[in-house]
């Protein structure tokens, strides 16, 4: 799945700011520097827990 967004680029007026430009954040889509949406992250965690088993099984 590909999501294409158009975000505004914001400029900091403080000349001593380490980051001069910013992109607006989209709430609920992904966290800062995130690669997955919160829903996709929950799915990955649920799959990992299901595949990991209970941890009490012996062979």
Protein backbone atom coordinates (compact mmCIF):
# COMPACT_ATOMS: atom_id res chain seq x y z
CA UNK A 1 0.00 0.00 0.00
CA UNK A 2 1.27 3.44 -0.86
CA UNK A 3 -0.09 6.59 0.73
CA UNK A 4 0.71 9.81 -1.07
CA UNK A 5 0.47 12.97 1.02
CA UNK A 6 0.94 16.62 0.37
CA UNK A 7 2.28 18.31 3.47
CA UNK A 8 3.11 21.91 4.07
CA UNK A 9 6.73 22.83 4.67
CA UNK A 10 7.07 25.28 7.54
CA UNK A 11 10.02 27.61 8.11
CA UNK A 12 11.34 28.54 11.53
CA UNK A 13 11.79 32.29 11.94
CA UNK A 14 14.49 31.80 14.62
CA UNK A 15 17.77 32.02 12.68
CA UNK A 16 19.62 30.09 15.43
CA UNK A 17 17.26 27.13 15.19
CA UNK A 18 19.09 23.89 14.33
CA UNK A 19 16.25 22.84 12.04
CA UNK A 20 15.29 25.58 9.67
CA UNK A 21 12.38 23.78 7.99
CA UNK A 22 9.69 21.43 9.27
CA UNK A 23 6.86 19.39 7.77
CA UNK A 24 3.47 19.42 9.39
CA UNK A 25 2.53 16.25 11.28
CA UNK A 26 -0.53 14.16 10.41
CA UNK A 27 -2.10 12.94 13.68
CA UNK A 28 -2.75 9.19 13.83
CA UNK A 29 -0.90 8.41 10.63
CA UNK A 30 2.62 7.75 11.84
CA UNK A 31 4.86 8.96 14.61
CA UNK A 32 7.83 11.15 14.00
CA UNK A 33 10.28 9.33 11.71
CA UNK A 34 7.85 6.39 11.76
CA UNK A 35 7.73 3.78 9.04
CA UNK A 36 4.37 2.29 10.04
CA UNK A 37 0.95 3.56 10.99
CA UNK A 38 -0.19 2.79 14.55
CA UNK A 39 -2.53 0.12 13.16
CA UNK A 40 0.26 -1.57 11.20
CA UNK A 41 2.51 -1.49 14.26
CA UNK A 42 -0.20 -3.18 16.35
CA UNK A 43 -0.58 -5.86 13.66
CA UNK A 44 3.18 -6.54 13.59
CA UNK A 45 3.23 -6.84 17.39
CA UNK A 46 0.20 -9.17 17.40
CA UNK A 47 1.81 -11.41 14.77
CA UNK A 48 5.11 -11.49 16.66
CA UNK A 49 3.37 -12.46 19.89
CA UNK A 50 1.32 -15.15 18.15
CA UNK A 51 4.38 -16.64 16.45
CA UNK A 52 6.51 -16.46 19.60
CA UNK A 53 4.17 -18.78 21.53
CA UNK A 54 3.87 -18.89 25.26
CA UNK A 55 7.52 -19.61 25.95
CA UNK A 56 6.68 -22.53 28.26
CA UNK A 57 6.72 -25.26 25.62
CA UNK A 58 9.54 -27.81 25.88
CA UNK A 59 10.76 -30.05 23.08
